[in-house]
PDB file of N, CA and C in Angstrom:
ATOM      1  N   MET A   1      -6.105 -30.273  11.892  1.00  0.00           N
ATOM      2  CA  MET A   1      -6.785 -29.171  11.252  1.00  0.00           C
ATOM      3  C   MET A   1      -6.615 -29.333   9.735  1.00  0.00           C
ATOM      4  N   ARG A   2      -7.602 -28.853   9.002  1.00  0.00           N
ATOM      5  CA  ARG A   2      -7.556 -28.943   7.538  1.00  0.00           C
ATOM      6  C   ARG A   2      -7.350 -27.557   6.923  1.00  0.00           C
ATOM      7  N   CYS A   3      -6.624 -27.545   5.813  1.00  0.00           N
ATOM      8  CA  CYS A   3      -6.392 -26.303   5.068  1.00  0.00           C
ATOM      9  C   CYS A   3      -7.717 -25.819   4.486  1.00  0.00           C
ATOM     10  N   ARG A   4      -7.972 -24.531   4.609  1.00  0.00           N
ATOM     11  CA  ARG A   4      -9.215 -23.963   4.067  1.00  0.00           C
ATOM     12  C   ARG A   4      -9.198 -23.900   2.547  1.00  0.00           C
ATOM     13  N   ASN A   5      -8.013 -23.939   1.961  1.00  0.00           N
ATOM     14  CA  ASN A   5      -7.897 -23.798   0.509  1.00  0.00           C
ATOM     15  C   ASN A   5      -7.956 -25.148  -0.211  1.00  0.00           C
ATOM     16  N   CYS A   6      -7.101 -26.103   0.235  1.00  0.00           N
ATOM     17  CA  CYS A   6      -7.003 -27.365  -0.509  1.00  0.00           C
ATOM     18  C   CYS A   6      -7.507 -28.575   0.261  1.00  0.00           C
ATOM     19  N   GLY A   7      -7.774 -28.431   1.569  1.00  0.00           N
ATOM     20  CA  GLY A   7      -8.319 -29.524   2.352  1.00  0.00           C
ATOM     21  C   GLY A   7      -7.284 -30.489   2.907  1.00  0.00           C
ATOM     22  N   THR A   8      -6.006 -30.225   2.732  1.00  0.00           N
ATOM     23  CA  THR A   8      -4.949 -31.088   3.242  1.00  0.00           C
ATOM     24  C   THR A   8      -4.899 -31.016   4.760  1.00  0.00           C
ATOM     25  N   GLU A   9      -4.637 -32.133   5.407  1.00  0.00           N
ATOM     26  CA  GLU A   9      -4.484 -32.167   6.856  1.00  0.00           C
ATOM     27  C   GLU A   9      -3.154 -31.506   7.219  1.00  0.00           C
ATOM     28  N   ILE A  10      -3.206 -30.474   8.070  1.00  0.00           N
ATOM     29  CA  ILE A  10      -2.000 -29.766   8.492  1.00  0.00           C
ATOM     30  C   ILE A  10      -1.976 -29.695  10.013  1.00  0.00           C
ATOM     31  N   ALA A  11      -0.811 -29.407  10.580  1.00  0.00           N
ATOM     32  CA  ALA A  11      -0.657 -29.314  12.029  1.00  0.00           C
ATOM     33  C   ALA A  11      -1.496 -28.159  12.577  1.00  0.00           C
ATOM     34  N   ASP A  12      -1.921 -28.300  13.822  1.00  0.00           N
ATOM     35  CA  ASP A  12      -2.743 -27.263  14.452  1.00  0.00           C
ATOM     36  C   ASP A  12      -1.998 -25.937  14.601  1.00  0.00           C
ATOM     37  N   LYS A  13      -0.689 -25.998  14.769  1.00  0.00           N
ATOM     38  CA  LYS A  13       0.107 -24.778  14.949  1.00  0.00           C
ATOM     39  C   LYS A  13       0.697 -24.260  13.642  1.00  0.00           C
ATOM     40  N   ALA A  14       0.338 -24.848  12.524  1.00  0.00           N
ATOM     41  CA  ALA A  14       0.893 -24.442  11.233  1.00  0.00           C
ATOM     42  C   ALA A  14       0.455 -23.026  10.881  1.00  0.00           C
ATOM     43  N   LEU A  15       1.395 -22.280  10.311  1.00  0.00           N
ATOM     44  CA  LEU A  15       1.085 -20.919   9.863  1.00  0.00           C
ATOM     45  C   LEU A  15       0.582 -20.920   8.425  1.00  0.00           C
ATOM     46  N   ILE A  16       1.135 -21.830   7.622  1.00  0.00           N
ATOM     47  CA  ILE A  16       0.709 -21.968   6.231  1.00  0.00           C
ATOM     48  C   ILE A  16       0.567 -23.437   5.877  1.00  0.00           C
ATOM     49  N   CYS A  17      -0.167 -23.711   4.835  1.00  0.00           N
ATOM     50  CA  CYS A  17      -0.319 -25.079   4.332  1.00  0.00           C
ATOM     51  C   CYS A  17       0.947 -25.464   3.574  1.00  0.00           C
ATOM     52  N   TYR A  18       1.496 -26.639   3.886  1.00  0.00           N
ATOM     53  CA  TYR A  18       2.729 -27.057   3.219  1.00  0.00           C
ATOM     54  C   TYR A  18       2.491 -27.455   1.772  1.00  0.00           C
ATOM     55  N   ARG A  19       1.261 -27.750   1.409  1.00  0.00           N
ATOM     56  CA  ARG A  19       0.981 -28.173   0.040  1.00  0.00           C
ATOM     57  C   ARG A  19       0.688 -26.990  -0.891  1.00  0.00           C
ATOM     58  N   CYS A  20      -0.201 -26.094  -0.480  1.00  0.00           N
ATOM     59  CA  CYS A  20      -0.607 -25.006  -1.385  1.00  0.00           C
ATOM     60  C   CYS A  20      -0.079 -23.637  -0.964  1.00  0.00           C
ATOM     61  N   GLY A  21       0.429 -23.498   0.282  1.00  0.00           N
ATOM     62  CA  GLY A  21       0.983 -22.226   0.739  1.00  0.00           C
ATOM     63  C   GLY A  21      -0.038 -21.238   1.261  1.00  0.00           C
ATOM     64  N   ALA A  22      -1.288 -21.634   1.353  1.00  0.00           N
ATOM     65  CA  ALA A  22      -2.337 -20.739   1.850  1.00  0.00           C
ATOM     66  C   ALA A  22      -2.155 -20.510   3.348  1.00  0.00           C
ATOM     67  N   PRO A  23      -2.484 -19.327   3.838  1.00  0.00           N
ATOM     68  CA  PRO A  23      -2.376 -19.084   5.283  1.00  0.00           C
ATOM     69  C   PRO A  23      -3.353 -19.966   6.045  1.00  0.00           C
ATOM     70  N   ALA A  24      -2.908 -20.463   7.212  1.00  0.00           N
ATOM     71  CA  ALA A  24      -3.741 -21.355   8.008  1.00  0.00           C
ATOM     72  C   ALA A  24      -4.722 -20.580   8.884  1.00  0.00           C
ATOM     73  N   ALA A  25      -4.419 -19.321   9.161  1.00  0.00           N
ATOM     74  CA  ALA A  25      -5.291 -18.507  10.020  1.00  0.00           C
ATOM     75  C   ALA A  25      -5.267 -17.068   9.519  1.00  0.00           C
ATOM     76  N   GLU A  26      -6.237 -16.309   9.959  1.00  0.00           N
ATOM     77  CA  GLU A  26      -6.274 -14.895   9.611  1.00  0.00           C
ATOM     78  C   GLU A  26      -5.146 -14.166  10.337  1.00  0.00           C
ATOM     79  N   ALA A  27      -4.602 -13.142   9.720  1.00  0.00           N
ATOM     80  CA  ALA A  27      -3.534 -12.362  10.331  1.00  0.00           C
ATOM     81  C   ALA A  27      -4.079 -11.598  11.534  1.00  0.00           C
ATOM     82  N   LYS A  28      -3.311 -11.598  12.625  1.00  0.00           N
ATOM     83  CA  LYS A  28      -3.728 -10.867  13.823  1.00  0.00           C
ATOM     84  C   LYS A  28      -3.518  -9.374  13.646  1.00  0.00           C
ATOM     85  N   TYR A  29      -2.454  -9.021  12.944  1.00  0.00           N
ATOM     86  CA  TYR A  29      -2.119  -7.620  12.737  1.00  0.00           C
ATOM     87  C   TYR A  29      -2.088  -7.324  11.248  1.00  0.00           C
ATOM     88  N   LYS A  30      -2.664  -6.217  10.880  1.00  0.00           N
ATOM     89  CA  LYS A  30      -2.668  -5.819   9.478  1.00  0.00           C
ATOM     90  C   LYS A  30      -1.649  -4.698   9.291  1.00  0.00           C
ATOM     91  N   PRO A  31      -0.928  -4.688   8.185  1.00  0.00           N
ATOM     92  CA  PRO A  31       0.060  -3.634   7.970  1.00  0.00           C
ATOM     93  C   PRO A  31      -0.597  -2.265   7.853  1.00  0.00           C
ATOM     94  N   ALA A  32       0.141  -1.257   8.244  1.00  0.00           N
ATOM     95  CA  ALA A  32      -0.366   0.113   8.155  1.00  0.00           C
ATOM     96  C   ALA A  32      -0.549   0.494   6.696  1.00  0.00           C
ATOM     97  N   PRO A  33      -1.563   1.292   6.387  1.00  0.00           N
ATOM     98  CA  PRO A  33      -1.762   1.709   4.995  1.00  0.00           C
ATOM     99  C   PRO A  33      -0.590   2.548   4.504  1.00  0.00           C
ATOM    100  N   SER A  34      -0.291   2.394   3.263  1.00  0.00           N
ATOM    101  CA  SER A  34       0.823   3.113   2.656  1.00  0.00           C
ATOM    102  C   SER A  34       0.486   4.588   2.511  1.00  0.00           C
ATOM    103  N   ARG A  35       1.457   5.432   2.801  1.00  0.00           N
ATOM    104  CA  ARG A  35       1.262   6.876   2.666  1.00  0.00           C
ATOM    105  C   ARG A  35       1.983   7.402   1.442  1.00  0.00           C
ATOM    106  N   ARG A  36       2.432   6.513   0.583  1.00  0.00           N
ATOM    107  CA  ARG A  36       3.197   6.901  -0.596  1.00  0.00           C
ATOM    108  C   ARG A  36       2.382   7.805  -1.521  1.00  0.00           C
ATOM    109  N   GLY A  37       1.090   7.540  -1.678  1.00  0.00           N
ATOM    110  CA  GLY A  37       0.249   8.350  -2.556  1.00  0.00           C
ATOM    111  C   GLY A  37       0.165   9.793  -2.099  1.00  0.00           C
ATOM    112  N   ARG A  38       0.152  10.004  -0.798  1.00  0.00           N
ATOM    113  CA  ARG A  38       0.081  11.368  -0.267  1.00  0.00           C
ATOM    114  C   ARG A  38       1.367  12.124  -0.555  1.00  0.00           C
ATOM    115  N   ARG A  39       2.488  11.444  -0.531  1.00  0.00           N
ATOM    116  CA  ARG A  39       3.766  12.091  -0.814  1.00  0.00           C
ATOM    117  C   ARG A  39       3.773  12.610  -2.245  1.00  0.00           C
ATOM    118  N   TRP A  40       3.297  11.794  -3.176  1.00  0.00           N
ATOM    119  CA  TRP A  40       3.257  12.223  -4.575  1.00  0.00           C
ATOM    120  C   TRP A  40       2.283  13.378  -4.759  1.00  0.00           C
ATOM    121  N   LEU A  41       1.185  13.357  -4.037  1.00  0.00           N
ATOM    122  CA  LEU A  41       0.214  14.445  -4.135  1.00  0.00           C
ATOM    123  C   LEU A  41       0.822  15.755  -3.642  1.00  0.00           C
ATOM    124  N   ARG A  42       1.545  15.706  -2.535  1.00  0.00           N
ATOM    125  CA  ARG A  42       2.191  16.914  -2.021  1.00  0.00           C
ATOM    126  C   ARG A  42       3.227  17.446  -3.002  1.00  0.00           C
ATOM    127  N   LEU A  43       4.008  16.552  -3.592  1.00  0.00           N
ATOM    128  CA  LEU A  43       5.006  16.972  -4.569  1.00  0.00           C
ATOM    129  C   LEU A  43       4.342  17.611  -5.785  1.00  0.00           C
ATOM    130  N   LEU A  44       3.268  17.024  -6.270  1.00  0.00           N
ATOM    131  CA  LEU A  44       2.551  17.576  -7.411  1.00  0.00           C
ATOM    132  C   LEU A  44       1.979  18.954  -7.093  1.00  0.00           C
ATOM    133  N   LEU A  45       1.406  19.116  -5.918  1.00  0.00           N
ATOM    134  CA  LEU A  45       0.867  20.420  -5.523  1.00  0.00           C
ATOM    135  C   LEU A  45       1.973  21.466  -5.396  1.00  0.00           C
ATOM    136  N   LEU A  46       3.130  21.075  -4.884  1.00  0.00           N
ATOM    137  CA  LEU A  46       4.240  22.000  -4.770  1.00  0.00           C
ATOM    138  C   LEU A  46       4.727  22.443  -6.147  1.00  0.00           C
ATOM    139  N   ILE A  47       4.835  21.525  -7.071  1.00  0.00           N
ATOM    140  CA  ILE A  47       5.259  21.865  -8.431  1.00  0.00           C
ATOM    141  C   ILE A  47       4.257  22.805  -9.092  1.00  0.00           C
ATOM    142  N   LEU A  48       2.969  22.523  -8.926  1.00  0.00           N
ATOM    143  CA  LEU A  48       1.949  23.399  -9.506  1.00  0.00           C
ATOM    144  C   LEU A  48       1.989  24.793  -8.889  1.00  0.00           C
ATOM    145  N   LEU A  49       2.240  24.875  -7.603  1.00  0.00           N
ATOM    146  CA  LEU A  49       2.337  26.171  -6.937  1.00  0.00           C
ATOM    147  C   LEU A  49       3.532  26.962  -7.459  1.00  0.00           C
ATOM    148  N   VAL A  50       4.662  26.313  -7.616  1.00  0.00           N
ATOM    149  CA  VAL A  50       5.854  26.982  -8.146  1.00  0.00           C
ATOM    150  C   VAL A  50       5.599  27.466  -9.570  1.00  0.00           C
ATOM    151  N   LEU A  51       4.968  26.627 -10.385  1.00  0.00           N
ATOM    152  CA  LEU A  51       4.642  27.038 -11.758  1.00  0.00           C
ATOM    153  C   LEU A  51       3.686  28.223 -11.781  1.00  0.00           C
ATOM    154  N   ALA A  52       2.702  28.219 -10.893  1.00  0.00           N
ATOM    155  CA  ALA A  52       1.752  29.324 -10.835  1.00  0.00           C
ATOM    156  C   ALA A  52       2.456  30.618 -10.437  1.00  0.00           C
ATOM    157  N   VAL A  53       3.382  30.538  -9.486  1.00  0.00           N
ATOM    158  CA  VAL A  53       4.126  31.732  -9.068  1.00  0.00           C
ATOM    159  C   VAL A  53       4.996  32.244 -10.212  1.00  0.00           C
ATOM    160  N   LEU A  54       5.672  31.343 -10.927  1.00  0.00           N
ATOM    161  CA  LEU A  54       6.506  31.762 -12.054  1.00  0.00           C
ATOM    162  C   LEU A  54       5.685  32.390 -13.176  1.00  0.00           C
ATOM    163  N   VAL A  55       4.557  31.799 -13.504  1.00  0.00           N
ATOM    164  CA  VAL A  55       3.691  32.352 -14.548  1.00  0.00           C
ATOM    165  C   VAL A  55       3.169  33.721 -14.125  1.00  0.00           C
ATOM    166  N   GLY A  56       2.767  33.853 -12.859  1.00  0.00           N
ATOM    167  CA  GLY A  56       2.298  35.146 -12.357  1.00  0.00           C
ATOM    168  C   GLY A  56       3.395  36.187 -12.389  1.00  0.00           C
ATOM    169  N   TYR A  57       4.592  35.817 -12.068  1.00  0.00           N
ATOM    170  CA  TYR A  57       5.717  36.751 -12.084  1.00  0.00           C
ATOM    171  C   TYR A  57       5.983  37.253 -13.504  1.00  0.00           C
ATOM    172  N   PHE A  58       5.988  36.343 -14.473  1.00  0.00           N
ATOM    173  CA  PHE A  58       6.275  36.760 -15.840  1.00  0.00           C
ATOM    174  C   PHE A  58       5.120  37.526 -16.470  1.00  0.00           C
ATOM    175  N   VAL A  59       3.888  37.186 -16.145  1.00  0.00           N
ATOM    176  CA  VAL A  59       2.740  37.901 -16.719  1.00  0.00           C
ATOM    177  C   VAL A  59       2.622  39.288 -16.098  1.00  0.00           C
ATOM    178  N   LEU A  60       2.725  39.378 -14.797  1.00  0.00           N
ATOM    179  CA  LEU A  60       2.575  40.665 -14.122  1.00  0.00           C
ATOM    180  C   LEU A  60       3.847  41.498 -14.187  1.00  0.00           C
ATOM    181  N   GLY A  61       4.971  40.869 -14.381  1.00  0.00           N
ATOM    182  CA  GLY A  61       6.251  41.603 -14.435  1.00  0.00           C
ATOM    183  C   GLY A  61       6.420  42.361 -15.748  1.00  0.00           C
ATOM    184  N   GLN A  62       5.722  42.006 -16.778  1.00  0.00           N
ATOM    185  CA  GLN A  62       5.901  42.669 -18.073  1.00  0.00           C
ATOM    186  C   GLN A  62       4.876  43.694 -18.333  1.00  0.00           C
TER     187      GLN A  62
END
């Protein structure tokens, strides 16, 4: 089999090309999408809610 990136002859069972490091085949499983962005969004919304409650308390309390 030949490497799709550099054309070097590689073993049929090779996972990567030994010369350029390119993957020999497409990945069977793809990693799950990261949920990190949602965590930051929730934290930001919580902070804004707390600030809104504090501002409302001080404006309406006086």
